[in-house]
Amino acid sequence: MPAKFKDLALDALDHQALADWWCSAIGYVRRSPPGSPSLPVAIVDPAGEGPLIWLNQVPEPKAVKNRMHLDVWGDPAELTAAGARMVAERGGDREWHVMADPEGNEFCVFER
């Protein structure tokens, strides 16, 4: 085995705000209090079940479809009300919704 999964990272123009959005959306918390505004932000599942997620500041906006994304259990209407955008509703042979966070990073939403 040449590698083992460690963390997940998301890029963002405003990584501080996006870290807060993801914390609110999936129940994560910041691993430590806000530090330097330019340093990456680590968010964690307080129950210790989900992966550590890093939010990294980048200078450019998202331009193309993600090649890797998060899958979450959730309610598309609640996520939309929280600031996500519906990209493609579930239907046909797709049993999930494709949504985008406030910076356009796609993620899939599975309803329980």
N, C-alpha and C. Protein backbone atom coordinates (compact mmCIF):
# COMPACT_ATOMS: atom_id res chain seq x y z
N MET A 1 0.86 -1.17 0.00
CA MET A 1 0.00 0.00 0.00
C MET A 1 0.91 1.24 0.00
N PRO A 2 0.96 1.99 -1.09
CA PRO A 2 1.83 3.16 -1.16
C PRO A 2 1.28 4.41 -0.48
N ALA A 3 -0.02 4.43 -0.16
CA ALA A 3 -0.60 5.63 0.47
C ALA A 3 -1.79 5.24 1.33
N LYS A 4 -2.14 6.13 2.26
CA LYS A 4 -3.30 5.93 3.13
C LYS A 4 -4.02 7.26 3.25
N PHE A 5 -5.36 7.25 3.15
CA PHE A 5 -6.15 8.47 3.23
C PHE A 5 -5.87 9.20 4.54
N LYS A 6 -5.68 10.52 4.45
CA LYS A 6 -5.40 11.33 5.63
C LYS A 6 -6.48 12.38 5.83
N ASP A 7 -6.58 13.36 4.93
CA ASP A 7 -7.50 14.49 5.06
C ASP A 7 -8.12 14.80 3.69
N LEU A 8 -9.08 15.68 3.71
CA LEU A 8 -9.69 16.20 2.49
C LEU A 8 -9.44 17.70 2.47
N ALA A 9 -9.23 18.29 1.31
CA ALA A 9 -8.97 19.73 1.22
C ALA A 9 -9.89 20.36 0.18
N LEU A 10 -10.41 21.54 0.50
CA LEU A 10 -11.22 22.33 -0.42
C LEU A 10 -10.55 23.68 -0.61
N ASP A 11 -10.53 24.17 -1.83
CA ASP A 11 -9.99 25.49 -2.12
C ASP A 11 -11.11 26.51 -2.12
N ALA A 12 -10.79 27.74 -1.72
CA ALA A 12 -11.79 28.79 -1.66
C ALA A 12 -11.14 30.17 -1.72
N LEU A 13 -11.85 31.11 -2.31
CA LEU A 13 -11.40 32.50 -2.27
C LEU A 13 -11.46 33.00 -0.83
N ASP A 14 -12.62 32.81 -0.19
CA ASP A 14 -12.81 33.21 1.21
C ASP A 14 -12.91 31.93 2.05
N HIS A 15 -11.76 31.35 2.33
CA HIS A 15 -11.73 30.07 3.04
C HIS A 15 -12.27 30.15 4.45
N GLN A 16 -12.16 31.33 5.08
CA GLN A 16 -12.70 31.49 6.43
C GLN A 16 -14.23 31.37 6.40
N ALA A 17 -14.87 32.10 5.48
CA ALA A 17 -16.34 32.06 5.37
C ALA A 17 -16.81 30.68 4.92
N LEU A 18 -16.09 30.06 3.99
CA LEU A 18 -16.51 28.75 3.51
C LEU A 18 -16.34 27.69 4.61
N ALA A 19 -15.33 27.82 5.44
CA ALA A 19 -15.17 26.91 6.58
C ALA A 19 -16.39 27.02 7.50
N ASP A 20 -16.82 28.25 7.77
CA ASP A 20 -18.00 28.44 8.61
C ASP A 20 -19.25 27.86 7.96
N TRP A 21 -19.37 28.02 6.63
CA TRP A 21 -20.54 27.49 5.92
C TRP A 21 -20.57 25.97 6.03
N TRP A 22 -19.44 25.31 5.77
CA TRP A 22 -19.42 23.85 5.85
C TRP A 22 -19.65 23.38 7.28
N CYS A 23 -19.14 24.10 8.27
CA CYS A 23 -19.40 23.73 9.67
C CYS A 23 -20.90 23.75 9.93
N SER A 24 -21.56 24.79 9.49
CA SER A 24 -23.00 24.90 9.68
C SER A 24 -23.75 23.83 8.90
N ALA A 25 -23.32 23.56 7.67
CA ALA A 25 -24.03 22.62 6.80
C ALA A 25 -23.93 21.18 7.27
N ILE A 26 -22.75 20.76 7.77
CA ILE A 26 -22.58 19.34 8.11
C ILE A 26 -22.28 19.09 9.58
N GLY A 27 -22.41 20.12 10.41
CA GLY A 27 -22.24 19.92 11.85
C GLY A 27 -20.80 19.80 12.31
N TYR A 28 -19.86 20.26 11.51
CA TYR A 28 -18.45 20.25 11.90
C TYR A 28 -18.15 21.48 12.76
N VAL A 29 -16.97 21.48 13.35
CA VAL A 29 -16.48 22.62 14.12
C VAL A 29 -15.04 22.89 13.69
N ARG A 30 -14.61 24.13 13.93
CA ARG A 30 -13.20 24.44 13.67
C ARG A 30 -12.34 23.67 14.66
N ARG A 31 -11.24 23.13 14.17
CA ARG A 31 -10.34 22.37 15.04
C ARG A 31 -9.69 23.27 16.07
N SER A 32 -9.42 24.50 15.70
CA SER A 32 -8.85 25.47 16.62
C SER A 32 -9.45 26.83 16.31
N PRO A 33 -9.36 27.77 17.23
CA PRO A 33 -9.94 29.10 17.00
C PRO A 33 -9.30 29.75 15.77
N PRO A 34 -10.01 30.71 15.18
CA PRO A 34 -9.43 31.39 14.02
C PRO A 34 -8.05 31.94 14.33
N GLY A 35 -7.14 31.70 13.40
CA GLY A 35 -5.77 32.20 13.55
C GLY A 35 -5.53 33.26 12.50
N SER A 36 -4.39 33.20 11.87
CA SER A 36 -4.05 34.13 10.80
C SER A 36 -5.06 33.98 9.68
N PRO A 37 -5.59 35.08 9.16
CA PRO A 37 -6.61 34.99 8.12
C PRO A 37 -6.17 34.27 6.85
N SER A 38 -4.86 34.16 6.60
CA SER A 38 -4.41 33.52 5.38
C SER A 38 -4.05 32.04 5.56
N LEU A 39 -3.97 31.55 6.79
CA LEU A 39 -3.62 30.14 7.01
C LEU A 39 -4.81 29.23 6.71
N PRO A 40 -4.56 28.01 6.27
CA PRO A 40 -5.65 27.06 6.06
C PRO A 40 -6.45 26.86 7.35
N VAL A 41 -7.73 26.53 7.18
CA VAL A 41 -8.62 26.29 8.31
C VAL A 41 -8.98 24.81 8.33
N ALA A 42 -8.79 24.17 9.47
CA ALA A 42 -9.16 22.76 9.63
C ALA A 42 -10.50 22.68 10.34
N ILE A 43 -11.41 21.89 9.76
CA ILE A 43 -12.70 21.65 10.42
C ILE A 43 -12.84 20.15 10.65
N VAL A 44 -13.49 19.79 11.76
CA VAL A 44 -13.58 18.39 12.16
C VAL A 44 -15.00 18.04 12.59
N ASP A 45 -15.28 16.75 12.50
CA ASP A 45 -16.53 16.20 13.00
C ASP A 45 -16.38 16.06 14.51
N PRO A 46 -17.20 16.76 15.32
CA PRO A 46 -17.04 16.67 16.77
C PRO A 46 -17.26 15.26 17.32
N ALA A 47 -17.98 14.42 16.56
CA ALA A 47 -18.19 13.05 16.99
C ALA A 47 -17.01 12.15 16.60
N GLY A 48 -16.07 12.68 15.84
CA GLY A 48 -14.90 11.93 15.45
C GLY A 48 -15.15 10.90 14.35
N GLU A 49 -16.28 11.01 13.65
CA GLU A 49 -16.62 10.00 12.64
C GLU A 49 -16.19 10.39 11.23
N GLY A 50 -16.23 11.67 10.90
CA GLY A 50 -15.92 12.10 9.54
C GLY A 50 -14.47 12.51 9.39
N PRO A 51 -14.03 12.70 8.15
CA PRO A 51 -12.64 13.09 7.92
C PRO A 51 -12.37 14.54 8.30
N LEU A 52 -11.12 14.83 8.56
CA LEU A 52 -10.67 16.20 8.75
C LEU A 52 -10.74 16.88 7.38
N ILE A 53 -11.27 18.10 7.34
CA ILE A 53 -11.36 18.85 6.09
C ILE A 53 -10.59 20.15 6.26
N TRP A 54 -9.70 20.42 5.31
CA TRP A 54 -8.95 21.67 5.28
C TRP A 54 -9.58 22.60 4.26
N LEU A 55 -9.73 23.87 4.61
CA LEU A 55 -10.16 24.90 3.67
C LEU A 55 -8.94 25.78 3.41
N ASN A 56 -8.52 25.81 2.15
CA ASN A 56 -7.32 26.52 1.75
C ASN A 56 -7.67 27.74 0.91
N GLN A 57 -7.05 28.86 1.22
CA GLN A 57 -7.27 30.07 0.45
C GLN A 57 -6.49 29.99 -0.86
N VAL A 58 -7.18 30.30 -1.95
CA VAL A 58 -6.55 30.37 -3.27
C VAL A 58 -6.93 31.70 -3.91
N PRO A 59 -6.13 32.19 -4.87
CA PRO A 59 -6.41 33.50 -5.45
C PRO A 59 -7.43 33.51 -6.57
N GLU A 60 -7.76 32.34 -7.11
CA GLU A 60 -8.66 32.30 -8.27
C GLU A 60 -9.99 31.65 -7.92
N PRO A 61 -11.08 32.08 -8.58
CA PRO A 61 -12.37 31.43 -8.37
C PRO A 61 -12.40 30.06 -9.05
N LYS A 62 -13.31 29.23 -8.63
CA LYS A 62 -13.49 27.92 -9.25
C LYS A 62 -13.89 28.12 -10.71
N ALA A 63 -13.29 27.34 -11.61
CA ALA A 63 -13.54 27.56 -13.03
C ALA A 63 -14.20 26.37 -13.73
N VAL A 64 -13.93 25.16 -13.30
CA VAL A 64 -14.48 23.99 -13.98
C VAL A 64 -15.03 23.01 -12.96
N LYS A 65 -15.69 21.96 -13.46
CA LYS A 65 -16.27 20.95 -12.58
C LYS A 65 -15.19 20.29 -11.71
N ASN A 66 -15.57 20.01 -10.47
CA ASN A 66 -14.67 19.29 -9.56
C ASN A 66 -14.35 17.92 -10.13
N ARG A 67 -13.15 17.44 -9.89
CA ARG A 67 -12.79 16.07 -10.23
C ARG A 67 -12.96 15.18 -9.00
N MET A 68 -13.05 15.77 -7.82
CA MET A 68 -13.29 15.06 -6.58
C MET A 68 -14.29 15.91 -5.81
N HIS A 69 -15.17 15.26 -5.04
CA HIS A 69 -16.19 16.02 -4.32
C HIS A 69 -16.62 15.28 -3.06
N LEU A 70 -17.38 15.96 -2.23
CA LEU A 70 -17.96 15.36 -1.04
C LEU A 70 -19.32 14.77 -1.37
N ASP A 71 -19.66 13.68 -0.71
CA ASP A 71 -21.02 13.14 -0.71
C ASP A 71 -21.53 13.31 0.70
N VAL A 72 -22.76 13.83 0.84
CA VAL A 72 -23.34 14.04 2.17
C VAL A 72 -24.77 13.51 2.20
N TRP A 73 -25.21 13.14 3.40
CA TRP A 73 -26.63 12.89 3.64
C TRP A 73 -27.23 14.24 3.97
N GLY A 74 -28.37 14.60 3.42
CA GLY A 74 -28.94 15.88 3.77
C GLY A 74 -30.25 16.19 3.08
N ASP A 75 -30.74 17.37 3.37
CA ASP A 75 -31.99 17.88 2.82
C ASP A 75 -31.67 19.00 1.84
N PRO A 76 -31.90 18.81 0.55
CA PRO A 76 -31.56 19.83 -0.43
C PRO A 76 -32.22 21.19 -0.16
N ALA A 77 -33.45 21.18 0.32
CA ALA A 77 -34.13 22.46 0.60
C ALA A 77 -33.43 23.21 1.73
N GLU A 78 -33.02 22.50 2.77
CA GLU A 78 -32.32 23.15 3.88
C GLU A 78 -30.95 23.65 3.44
N LEU A 79 -30.27 22.87 2.62
CA LEU A 79 -28.96 23.31 2.11
C LEU A 79 -29.10 24.53 1.21
N THR A 80 -30.15 24.56 0.39
CA THR A 80 -30.41 25.72 -0.46
C THR A 80 -30.68 26.95 0.41
N ALA A 81 -31.50 26.79 1.45
CA ALA A 81 -31.79 27.90 2.35
C ALA A 81 -30.53 28.40 3.06
N ALA A 82 -29.55 27.50 3.24
CA ALA A 82 -28.30 27.87 3.91
C ALA A 82 -27.29 28.51 2.95
N GLY A 83 -27.59 28.52 1.65
CA GLY A 83 -26.70 29.17 0.70
C GLY A 83 -26.13 28.30 -0.40
N ALA A 84 -26.49 27.01 -0.40
CA ALA A 84 -26.05 26.13 -1.49
C ALA A 84 -26.93 26.38 -2.72
N ARG A 85 -26.46 25.89 -3.86
CA ARG A 85 -27.21 26.03 -5.12
C ARG A 85 -27.41 24.65 -5.72
N MET A 86 -28.62 24.40 -6.22
CA MET A 86 -28.91 23.13 -6.89
C MET A 86 -28.27 23.17 -8.27
N VAL A 87 -27.49 22.16 -8.60
CA VAL A 87 -26.87 22.04 -9.92
C VAL A 87 -27.69 21.09 -10.78
N ALA A 88 -28.05 19.93 -10.22
CA ALA A 88 -28.86 18.94 -10.94
C ALA A 88 -29.66 18.14 -9.92
N GLU A 89 -30.97 18.14 -10.11
CA GLU A 89 -31.82 17.38 -9.20
C GLU A 89 -31.73 15.89 -9.48
N ARG A 90 -32.00 15.14 -8.46
CA ARG A 90 -32.03 13.68 -8.56
C ARG A 90 -33.07 13.31 -9.62
N GLY A 91 -32.81 12.25 -10.35
CA GLY A 91 -33.77 11.78 -11.35
C GLY A 91 -33.13 10.81 -12.32
N GLY A 92 -33.98 10.13 -13.05
CA GLY A 92 -33.48 9.12 -13.98
C GLY A 92 -32.73 8.05 -13.22
N ASP A 93 -31.52 7.77 -13.63
CA ASP A 93 -30.73 6.75 -12.93
C ASP A 93 -29.84 7.33 -11.84
N ARG A 94 -29.95 8.65 -11.59
CA ARG A 94 -29.15 9.30 -10.54
C ARG A 94 -30.00 9.43 -9.27
N GLU A 95 -29.55 8.80 -8.20
CA GLU A 95 -30.30 8.78 -6.94
C GLU A 95 -29.86 9.86 -5.97
N TRP A 96 -29.17 10.87 -6.44
CA TRP A 96 -28.67 11.95 -5.60
C TRP A 96 -28.83 13.27 -6.33
N HIS A 97 -28.77 14.35 -5.55
CA HIS A 97 -28.79 15.71 -6.10
C HIS A 97 -27.35 16.19 -6.18
N VAL A 98 -27.05 16.96 -7.20
CA VAL A 98 -25.74 17.61 -7.28
C VAL A 98 -25.96 19.06 -6.89
N MET A 99 -25.23 19.51 -5.89
CA MET A 99 -25.36 20.88 -5.40
C MET A 99 -23.99 21.54 -5.40
N ALA A 100 -23.97 22.85 -5.18
CA ALA A 100 -22.71 23.59 -5.09
C ALA A 100 -22.74 24.44 -3.83
N ASP A 101 -21.60 24.51 -3.15
CA ASP A 101 -21.50 25.36 -1.97
C ASP A 101 -21.43 26.83 -2.42
N PRO A 102 -21.39 27.78 -1.50
CA PRO A 102 -21.40 29.20 -1.90
C PRO A 102 -20.28 29.63 -2.83
N GLU A 103 -19.19 28.86 -2.91
CA GLU A 103 -18.10 29.20 -3.84
C GLU A 103 -18.12 28.34 -5.09
N GLY A 104 -19.14 27.48 -5.23
CA GLY A 104 -19.28 26.70 -6.45
C GLY A 104 -18.70 25.31 -6.42
N ASN A 105 -18.13 24.87 -5.28
CA ASN A 105 -17.62 23.50 -5.17
C ASN A 105 -18.79 22.54 -5.15
N GLU A 106 -18.82 21.60 -6.13
CA GLU A 106 -19.94 20.66 -6.19
C GLU A 106 -19.84 19.61 -5.09
N PHE A 107 -21.02 19.16 -4.66
CA PHE A 107 -21.10 18.04 -3.72
C PHE A 107 -22.41 17.32 -3.99
N CYS A 108 -22.50 16.05 -3.66
CA CYS A 108 -23.70 15.27 -3.90
C CYS A 108 -24.47 15.09 -2.59
N VAL A 109 -25.78 15.21 -2.71
CA VAL A 109 -26.64 15.12 -1.53
C VAL A 109 -27.56 13.91 -1.69
N PHE A 110 -27.46 13.02 -0.72
CA PHE A 110 -28.31 11.83 -0.67
C PHE A 110 -29.34 12.06 0.43
N GLU A 111 -30.61 11.88 0.09
CA GLU A 111 -31.66 12.03 1.10
C GLU A 111 -31.86 10.71 1.80
N ARG A 112 -32.03 10.78 3.12
CA ARG A 112 -32.23 9.53 3.90
C ARG A 112 -33.62 9.01 3.67
